[in-house]
């Protein structure tokens, strides 16, 4: 029966591909797998790999290794243990992330999960719980979905790790972080998050994998990490699709 089901599913997929040939989710060029980028879009991405800061994941010059802290983390170590991202936030990744975040392109989720598989592997292997950075309820109402929650739920299914979409809630609607300095971003999100009391006994001493779309200065994921740790969480790791590579903000 299982073989018959697999055979019928394969034939159904073949028929769908004949009617609607798969295209690159970013530029609509014909591809073999609709969940993967075409060659040009793939080459337009700037992927992050070793060497990188052992804490925040910032790409480092080849002279360094994966046991090195970047200058920012040496000056003030973030509250999370490790942050990793698939790629640099630049023109190539923006073409994928912005439609997913703002234009109802939830069909891009399989492509994003494919990009995350390499950097998230070691983090997912040690995670007890996965949680997204939350949206304020008014923003969630207008946007209709939290892109970070979609990623968290899918990663939870793939890694067989419990995902809790509302583990952290946003109690203040903060203005956009865009255009703010690092310290301005920190002030903007200070006191904006909380962990509901019903979850605190469940997360005590657990390792939480926090999911967001883009990490710029790390102000938001750092503030959420502090709130989680104050609520009894044992440690926090962070995964994002992309991160900005900047010297100072």
C-alpha atoms as a PDB file:
ATOM      1  CA  UNK A   1       0.000   0.000   0.000  1.00  0.00           C
ATOM      2  CA  UNK A   2       2.818   2.387   0.867  1.00  0.00           C
ATOM      3  CA  UNK A   3       4.499   1.711  -2.490  1.00  0.00           C
ATOM      4  CA  UNK A   4       1.228   2.299  -4.338  1.00  0.00           C
ATOM      5  CA  UNK A   5       0.694   5.575  -2.495  1.00  0.00           C
ATOM      6  CA  UNK A   6       4.231   6.712  -3.372  1.00  0.00           C
ATOM      7  CA  UNK A   7       3.729   5.724  -7.019  1.00  0.00           C
ATOM      8  CA  UNK A   8       0.425   7.619  -7.301  1.00  0.00           C
ATOM      9  CA  UNK A   9       1.894  10.674  -5.598  1.00  0.00           C
ATOM     10  CA  UNK A  10       4.841  10.700  -8.015  1.00  0.00           C
ATOM     11  CA  UNK A  11       2.518  10.439 -11.023  1.00  0.00           C
ATOM     12  CA  UNK A  12       0.339  13.245  -9.653  1.00  0.00           C
ATOM     13  CA  UNK A  13       3.397  15.463  -9.201  1.00  0.00           C
ATOM     14  CA  UNK A  14       4.520  14.674 -12.750  1.00  0.00           C
ATOM     15  CA  UNK A  15       1.116  15.797 -14.047  1.00  0.00           C
ATOM     16  CA  UNK A  16       1.252  19.019 -12.066  1.00  0.00           C
ATOM     17  CA  UNK A  17       4.740  19.755 -13.430  1.00  0.00           C
ATOM     18  CA  UNK A  18       3.467  19.271 -16.980  1.00  0.00           C
ATOM     19  CA  UNK A  19       0.603  21.715 -16.437  1.00  0.00           C
ATOM     20  CA  UNK A  20       2.587  24.199 -14.337  1.00  0.00           C
ATOM     21  CA  UNK A  21       6.338  23.750 -14.919  1.00  0.00           C
ATOM     22  CA  UNK A  22       8.388  24.659 -11.835  1.00  0.00           C
ATOM     23  CA  UNK A  23      10.052  28.068 -11.842  1.00  0.00           C
ATOM     24  CA  UNK A  24      12.653  29.776  -9.691  1.00  0.00           C
ATOM     25  CA  UNK A  25      10.798  31.260  -6.701  1.00  0.00           C
ATOM     26  CA  UNK A  26      12.822  34.455  -6.966  1.00  0.00           C
ATOM     27  CA  UNK A  27      12.931  35.299 -10.697  1.00  0.00           C
ATOM     28  CA  UNK A  28      10.495  32.794 -12.328  1.00  0.00           C
ATOM     29  CA  UNK A  29      13.144  31.203 -14.578  1.00  0.00           C
ATOM     30  CA  UNK A  30      12.394  27.548 -15.384  1.00  0.00           C
ATOM     31  CA  UNK A  31      13.984  25.104 -12.921  1.00  0.00           C
ATOM     32  CA  UNK A  32      13.711  21.407 -12.106  1.00  0.00           C
ATOM     33  CA  UNK A  33      12.642  21.946  -8.472  1.00  0.00           C
ATOM     34  CA  UNK A  34      10.303  24.785  -7.525  1.00  0.00           C
ATOM     35  CA  UNK A  35      11.772  24.929  -4.014  1.00  0.00           C
ATOM     36  CA  UNK A  36      15.262  25.778  -5.276  1.00  0.00           C
ATOM     37  CA  UNK A  37      16.763  28.888  -6.822  1.00  0.00           C
ATOM     38  CA  UNK A  38      18.008  29.024 -10.401  1.00  0.00           C
ATOM     39  CA  UNK A  39      21.762  29.208 -11.014  1.00  0.00           C
ATOM     40  CA  UNK A  40      21.796  33.005 -11.448  1.00  0.00           C
ATOM     41  CA  UNK A  41      19.810  33.683  -8.254  1.00  0.00           C
ATOM     42  CA  UNK A  42      21.892  31.150  -6.336  1.00  0.00           C
ATOM     43  CA  UNK A  43      25.109  32.811  -7.482  1.00  0.00           C
ATOM     44  CA  UNK A  44      23.627  36.176  -6.509  1.00  0.00           C
ATOM     45  CA  UNK A  45      23.435  35.089  -2.873  1.00  0.00           C
ATOM     46  CA  UNK A  46      26.342  35.678  -0.501  1.00  0.00           C
ATOM     47  CA  UNK A  47      26.392  32.589   1.699  1.00  0.00           C
ATOM     48  CA  UNK A  48      28.030  32.642   5.118  1.00  0.00           C
ATOM     49  CA  UNK A  49      30.499  29.918   6.022  1.00  0.00           C
ATOM     50  CA  UNK A  50      33.591  29.447   8.173  1.00  0.00           C
ATOM     51  CA  UNK A  51      35.468  31.241   9.496  1.00  0.00           C
ATOM     52  CA  UNK A  52      32.887  33.162  11.523  1.00  0.00           C
ATOM     53  CA  UNK A  53      32.488  34.529  15.041  1.00  0.00           C
ATOM     54  CA  UNK A  54      31.832  31.637  17.409  1.00  0.00           C
ATOM     55  CA  UNK A  55      29.078  33.672  19.075  1.00  0.00           C
ATOM     56  CA  UNK A  56      27.232  35.983  16.655  1.00  0.00           C
ATOM     57  CA  UNK A  57      28.211  34.216  13.422  1.00  0.00           C
ATOM     58  CA  UNK A  58      29.737  37.287  11.770  1.00  0.00           C
ATOM     59  CA  UNK A  59      31.906  36.250   8.780  1.00  0.00           C
ATOM     60  CA  UNK A  60      35.598  36.687   9.602  1.00  0.00           C
ATOM     61  CA  UNK A  61      38.706  37.063   7.411  1.00  0.00           C
ATOM     62  CA  UNK A  62      40.409  33.817   6.449  1.00  0.00           C
ATOM     63  CA  UNK A  63      43.174  34.503   8.990  1.00  0.00           C
ATOM     64  CA  UNK A  64      40.734  33.652  11.801  1.00  0.00           C
ATOM     65  CA  UNK A  65      39.042  30.403  12.791  1.00  0.00           C
ATOM     66  CA  UNK A  66      35.676  29.294  14.179  1.00  0.00           C
ATOM     67  CA  UNK A  67      36.874  29.626  17.777  1.00  0.00           C
ATOM     68  CA  UNK A  68      37.319  33.401  17.483  1.00  0.00           C
ATOM     69  CA  UNK A  69      35.044  36.123  18.827  1.00  0.00           C
ATOM     70  CA  UNK A  70      34.509  39.196  16.656  1.00  0.00           C
ATOM     71  CA  UNK A  71      35.327  42.650  18.039  1.00  0.00           C
ATOM     72  CA  UNK A  72      31.710  43.410  18.996  1.00  0.00           C
ATOM     73  CA  UNK A  73      31.303  40.178  20.942  1.00  0.00           C
ATOM     74  CA  UNK A  74      34.656  40.735  22.677  1.00  0.00           C
ATOM     75  CA  UNK A  75      33.479  44.184  23.804  1.00  0.00           C
ATOM     76  CA  UNK A  76      30.057  43.001  24.961  1.00  0.00           C
ATOM     77  CA  UNK A  77      29.104  39.343  24.604  1.00  0.00           C
ATOM     78  CA  UNK A  78      25.450  38.933  23.579  1.00  0.00           C
ATOM     79  CA  UNK A  79      23.057  37.033  25.869  1.00  0.00           C
ATOM     80  CA  UNK A  80      22.543  34.245  23.324  1.00  0.00           C
ATOM     81  CA  UNK A  81      25.095  31.459  22.915  1.00  0.00           C
ATOM     82  CA  UNK A  82      25.237  31.201  19.124  1.00  0.00           C
ATOM     83  CA  UNK A  83      23.646  33.036  16.205  1.00  0.00           C
ATOM     84  CA  UNK A  84      23.857  31.712  12.666  1.00  0.00           C
ATOM     85  CA  UNK A  85      22.464  32.816   9.296  1.00  0.00           C
ATOM     86  CA  UNK A  86      22.359  31.302   5.839  1.00  0.00           C
ATOM     87  CA  UNK A  87      23.536  34.381   3.959  1.00  0.00           C
ATOM     88  CA  UNK A  88      24.427  38.066   4.028  1.00  0.00           C
ATOM     89  CA  UNK A  89      21.542  40.511   3.818  1.00  0.00           C
ATOM     90  CA  UNK A  90      22.229  42.118   0.458  1.00  0.00           C
ATOM     91  CA  UNK A  91      20.579  42.626  -2.921  1.00  0.00           C
ATOM     92  CA  UNK A  92      20.494  38.892  -3.650  1.00  0.00           C
ATOM     93  CA  UNK A  93      18.843  37.824  -0.391  1.00  0.00           C
ATOM     94  CA  UNK A  94      16.490  40.826  -0.226  1.00  0.00           C
ATOM     95  CA  UNK A  95      14.848  39.637  -3.462  1.00  0.00           C
ATOM     96  CA  UNK A  96      13.795  36.526  -1.549  1.00  0.00           C
ATOM     97  CA  UNK A  97      13.222  37.824   1.988  1.00  0.00           C
ATOM     98  CA  UNK A  98      11.171  40.977   1.360  1.00  0.00           C
ATOM     99  CA  UNK A  99       8.408  39.267  -0.680  1.00  0.00           C
ATOM    100  CA  UNK A 100       8.254  36.483   1.933  1.00  0.00           C
ATOM    101  CA  UNK A 101       7.977  39.032   4.728  1.00  0.00           C
ATOM    102  CA  UNK A 102       5.711  41.698   3.238  1.00  0.00           C
ATOM    103  CA  UNK A 103       4.023  40.444   0.068  1.00  0.00           C
ATOM    104  CA  UNK A 104       2.165  37.271   1.122  1.00  0.00           C
ATOM    105  CA  UNK A 105       4.769  35.098  -0.644  1.00  0.00           C
ATOM    106  CA  UNK A 106       4.454  32.249   1.851  1.00  0.00           C
ATOM    107  CA  UNK A 107       5.134  29.919  -1.092  1.00  0.00           C
ATOM    108  CA  UNK A 108       8.791  30.898  -0.608  1.00  0.00           C
ATOM    109  CA  UNK A 109       8.950  28.983   2.689  1.00  0.00           C
ATOM    110  CA  UNK A 110      10.317  25.709   1.174  1.00  0.00           C
ATOM    111  CA  UNK A 111      13.133  27.634  -0.529  1.00  0.00           C
ATOM    112  CA  UNK A 112      14.021  29.422   2.704  1.00  0.00           C
ATOM    113  CA  UNK A 113      14.028  26.156   4.647  1.00  0.00           C
ATOM    114  CA  UNK A 114      16.413  24.706   2.032  1.00  0.00           C
ATOM    115  CA  UNK A 115      18.767  27.664   2.559  1.00  0.00           C
ATOM    116  CA  UNK A 116      18.660  27.215   6.341  1.00  0.00           C
ATOM    117  CA  UNK A 117      19.402  23.508   6.475  1.00  0.00           C
ATOM    118  CA  UNK A 118      23.181  23.870   6.617  1.00  0.00           C
ATOM    119  CA  UNK A 119      23.515  26.642   9.248  1.00  0.00           C
ATOM    120  CA  UNK A 120      20.625  25.436  11.410  1.00  0.00           C
ATOM    121  CA  UNK A 121      21.784  21.811  11.635  1.00  0.00           C
ATOM    122  CA  UNK A 122      24.067  22.087  14.703  1.00  0.00           C
ATOM    123  CA  UNK A 123      21.606  24.421  16.475  1.00  0.00           C
ATOM    124  CA  UNK A 124      18.590  22.229  15.794  1.00  0.00           C
ATOM    125  CA  UNK A 125      20.448  19.164  17.047  1.00  0.00           C
ATOM    126  CA  UNK A 126      20.745  20.719  20.523  1.00  0.00           C
ATOM    127  CA  UNK A 127      17.389  22.520  20.712  1.00  0.00           C
ATOM    128  CA  UNK A 128      14.619  21.526  23.116  1.00  0.00           C
ATOM    129  CA  UNK A 129      12.163  24.187  21.921  1.00  0.00           C
ATOM    130  CA  UNK A 130      11.890  26.433  18.870  1.00  0.00           C
ATOM    131  CA  UNK A 131      10.243  29.854  19.100  1.00  0.00           C
ATOM    132  CA  UNK A 132       9.890  32.809  16.719  1.00  0.00           C
ATOM    133  CA  UNK A 133      10.484  36.473  17.425  1.00  0.00           C
ATOM    134  CA  UNK A 134       6.879  37.675  17.793  1.00  0.00           C
ATOM    135  CA  UNK A 135       4.940  40.412  16.054  1.00  0.00           C
ATOM    136  CA  UNK A 136       2.665  42.738  17.983  1.00  0.00           C
ATOM    137  CA  UNK A 137      -0.937  41.565  17.594  1.00  0.00           C
ATOM    138  CA  UNK A 138      -1.890  44.669  15.606  1.00  0.00           C
ATOM    139  CA  UNK A 139       0.902  44.067  13.095  1.00  0.00           C
ATOM    140  CA  UNK A 140       0.027  40.380  12.922  1.00  0.00           C
ATOM    141  CA  UNK A 141      -3.568  41.331  12.184  1.00  0.00           C
ATOM    142  CA  UNK A 142      -2.563  43.575   9.280  1.00  0.00           C
ATOM    143  CA  UNK A 143       0.102  41.212   7.885  1.00  0.00           C
ATOM    144  CA  UNK A 144      -1.959  38.038   8.590  1.00  0.00           C
ATOM    145  CA  UNK A 145       1.070  35.867   9.367  1.00  0.00           C
ATOM    146  CA  UNK A 146       4.377  35.961  11.216  1.00  0.00           C
ATOM    147  CA  UNK A 147       7.077  34.892   8.763  1.00  0.00           C
ATOM    148  CA  UNK A 148       9.377  33.837  11.608  1.00  0.00           C
ATOM    149  CA  UNK A 149       6.647  31.595  13.053  1.00  0.00           C
ATOM    150  CA  UNK A 150       6.227  29.872   9.673  1.00  0.00           C
ATOM    151  CA  UNK A 151       9.947  29.081   9.663  1.00  0.00           C
ATOM    152  CA  UNK A 152       9.921  27.955  13.302  1.00  0.00           C
ATOM    153  CA  UNK A 153       7.010  25.571  12.777  1.00  0.00           C
ATOM    154  CA  UNK A 154       8.609  24.002   9.698  1.00  0.00           C
ATOM    155  CA  UNK A 155      11.997  23.601  11.397  1.00  0.00           C
ATOM    156  CA  UNK A 156      10.239  22.008  14.358  1.00  0.00           C
ATOM    157  CA  UNK A 157       8.614  19.430  12.101  1.00  0.00           C
ATOM    158  CA  UNK A 158      11.870  18.694  10.288  1.00  0.00           C
ATOM    159  CA  UNK A 159      13.938  18.416  13.463  1.00  0.00           C
ATOM    160  CA  UNK A 160      11.221  16.781  15.579  1.00  0.00           C
ATOM    161  CA  UNK A 161      11.560  19.619  18.080  1.00  0.00           C
ATOM    162  CA  UNK A 162       8.605  21.250  19.788  1.00  0.00           C
ATOM    163  CA  UNK A 163       7.746  24.655  18.291  1.00  0.00           C
ATOM    164  CA  UNK A 164       5.847  27.144  20.478  1.00  0.00           C
ATOM    165  CA  UNK A 165       4.727  30.080  18.278  1.00  0.00           C
ATOM    166  CA  UNK A 166       3.590  32.207  21.252  1.00  0.00           C
ATOM    167  CA  UNK A 167       6.372  31.345  23.701  1.00  0.00           C
ATOM    168  CA  UNK A 168       7.332  35.037  23.560  1.00  0.00           C
ATOM    169  CA  UNK A 169       4.742  37.776  23.077  1.00  0.00           C
ATOM    170  CA  UNK A 170       5.231  41.402  22.088  1.00  0.00           C
ATOM    171  CA  UNK A 171       3.505  43.607  24.638  1.00  0.00           C
ATOM    172  CA  UNK A 172       4.452  46.923  23.015  1.00  0.00           C
ATOM    173  CA  UNK A 173       4.031  47.923  19.375  1.00  0.00           C
ATOM    174  CA  UNK A 174       7.454  49.365  18.670  1.00  0.00           C
ATOM    175  CA  UNK A 175       8.246  51.585  15.667  1.00  0.00           C
ATOM    176  CA  UNK A 176      10.301  50.097  12.840  1.00  0.00           C
ATOM    177  CA  UNK A 177      13.977  49.465  13.570  1.00  0.00           C
ATOM    178  CA  UNK A 178      14.934  50.784  10.132  1.00  0.00           C
ATOM    179  CA  UNK A 179      17.254  53.789  10.105  1.00  0.00           C
ATOM    180  CA  UNK A 180      18.100  53.554  13.812  1.00  0.00           C
ATOM    181  CA  UNK A 181      21.575  53.287  15.314  1.00  0.00           C
ATOM    182  CA  UNK A 182      22.555  50.207  17.304  1.00  0.00           C
ATOM    183  CA  UNK A 183      21.791  51.939  20.585  1.00  0.00           C
ATOM    184  CA  UNK A 184      18.585  53.365  19.133  1.00  0.00           C
ATOM    185  CA  UNK A 185      17.483  49.859  18.182  1.00  0.00           C
ATOM    186  CA  UNK A 186      18.273  48.613  21.680  1.00  0.00           C
ATOM    187  CA  UNK A 187      16.201  51.385  23.275  1.00  0.00           C
ATOM    188  CA  UNK A 188      13.370  50.797  20.834  1.00  0.00           C
ATOM    189  CA  UNK A 189      12.820  47.142  21.823  1.00  0.00           C
ATOM    190  CA  UNK A 190      13.681  47.371  25.526  1.00  0.00           C
ATOM    191  CA  UNK A 191      10.771  46.064  27.570  1.00  0.00           C
ATOM    192  CA  UNK A 192       8.788  45.086  24.477  1.00  0.00           C
ATOM    193  CA  UNK A 193       8.650  41.317  25.102  1.00  0.00           C
ATOM    194  CA  UNK A 194       7.426  38.871  27.728  1.00  0.00           C
ATOM    195  CA  UNK A 195       7.083  35.140  28.298  1.00  0.00           C
ATOM    196  CA  UNK A 196       3.543  34.217  29.427  1.00  0.00           C
ATOM    197  CA  UNK A 197       3.480  32.673  32.896  1.00  0.00           C
ATOM    198  CA  UNK A 198       1.919  29.414  31.675  1.00  0.00           C
ATOM    199  CA  UNK A 199       5.079  28.597  29.720  1.00  0.00           C
ATOM    200  CA  UNK A 200       7.658  29.334  32.393  1.00  0.00           C
ATOM    201  CA  UNK A 201       7.566  25.909  34.099  1.00  0.00           C
ATOM    202  CA  UNK A 202       7.814  24.214  30.681  1.00  0.00           C
ATOM    203  CA  UNK A 203      10.915  26.092  29.536  1.00  0.00           C
ATOM    204  CA  UNK A 204      12.983  26.022  32.727  1.00  0.00           C
ATOM    205  CA  UNK A 205      16.569  25.023  31.912  1.00  0.00           C
ATOM    206  CA  UNK A 206      15.634  24.239  28.292  1.00  0.00           C
ATOM    207  CA  UNK A 207      17.671  25.235  25.261  1.00  0.00           C
ATOM    208  CA  UNK A 208      15.593  27.483  22.999  1.00  0.00           C
ATOM    209  CA  UNK A 209      16.256  28.057  19.299  1.00  0.00           C
ATOM    210  CA  UNK A 210      15.002  31.557  18.486  1.00  0.00           C
ATOM    211  CA  UNK A 211      13.980  32.255  14.882  1.00  0.00           C
ATOM    212  CA  UNK A 212      13.953  35.614  13.076  1.00  0.00           C
ATOM    213  CA  UNK A 213      14.194  36.657   9.430  1.00  0.00           C
ATOM    214  CA  UNK A 214      17.100  39.129   9.435  1.00  0.00           C
ATOM    215  CA  UNK A 215      19.704  40.038  12.047  1.00  0.00           C
ATOM    216  CA  UNK A 216      21.089  43.559  11.698  1.00  0.00           C
ATOM    217  CA  UNK A 217      22.687  44.736  14.953  1.00  0.00           C
ATOM    218  CA  UNK A 218      21.226  41.875  16.987  1.00  0.00           C
ATOM    219  CA  UNK A 219      19.237  44.250  19.222  1.00  0.00           C
ATOM    220  CA  UNK A 220      15.921  42.432  18.821  1.00  0.00           C
ATOM    221  CA  UNK A 221      17.175  38.857  19.239  1.00  0.00           C
ATOM    222  CA  UNK A 222      19.330  39.985  22.172  1.00  0.00           C
ATOM    223  CA  UNK A 223      16.352  41.539  23.955  1.00  0.00           C
ATOM    224  CA  UNK A 224      14.202  38.456  23.357  1.00  0.00           C
ATOM    225  CA  UNK A 225      17.067  36.251  24.574  1.00  0.00           C
ATOM    226  CA  UNK A 226      17.328  38.254  27.816  1.00  0.00           C
ATOM    227  CA  UNK A 227      13.594  37.885  28.423  1.00  0.00           C
ATOM    228  CA  UNK A 228      13.814  34.118  27.833  1.00  0.00           C
ATOM    229  CA  UNK A 229      16.785  33.739  30.173  1.00  0.00           C
ATOM    230  CA  UNK A 230      15.053  35.776  32.901  1.00  0.00           C
ATOM    231  CA  UNK A 231      12.093  33.411  32.539  1.00  0.00           C
ATOM    232  CA  UNK A 232      14.243  30.409  33.404  1.00  0.00           C
ATOM    233  CA  UNK A 233      15.421  29.217  29.977  1.00  0.00           C
ATOM    234  CA  UNK A 234      18.824  27.556  30.196  1.00  0.00           C
ATOM    235  CA  UNK A 235      20.319  28.957  26.983  1.00  0.00           C
ATOM    236  CA  UNK A 236      19.343  30.520  23.661  1.00  0.00           C
ATOM    237  CA  UNK A 237      20.611  30.017  20.112  1.00  0.00           C
ATOM    238  CA  UNK A 238      19.483  32.156  17.171  1.00  0.00           C
ATOM    239  CA  UNK A 239      18.861  31.306  13.521  1.00  0.00           C
ATOM    240  CA  UNK A 240      18.018  33.871  10.827  1.00  0.00           C
ATOM    241  CA  UNK A 241      17.744  33.696   7.069  1.00  0.00           C
ATOM    242  CA  UNK A 242      20.244  36.519   6.640  1.00  0.00           C
ATOM    243  CA  UNK A 243      22.325  38.987   8.588  1.00  0.00           C
ATOM    244  CA  UNK A 244      23.688  42.396   7.811  1.00  0.00           C
ATOM    245  CA  UNK A 245      27.465  42.587   7.707  1.00  0.00           C
ATOM    246  CA  UNK A 246      28.279  46.042   9.026  1.00  0.00           C
ATOM    247  CA  UNK A 247      31.095  47.662  10.925  1.00  0.00           C
ATOM    248  CA  UNK A 248      29.027  49.886  13.176  1.00  0.00           C
ATOM    249  CA  UNK A 249      25.564  51.351  13.430  1.00  0.00           C
END
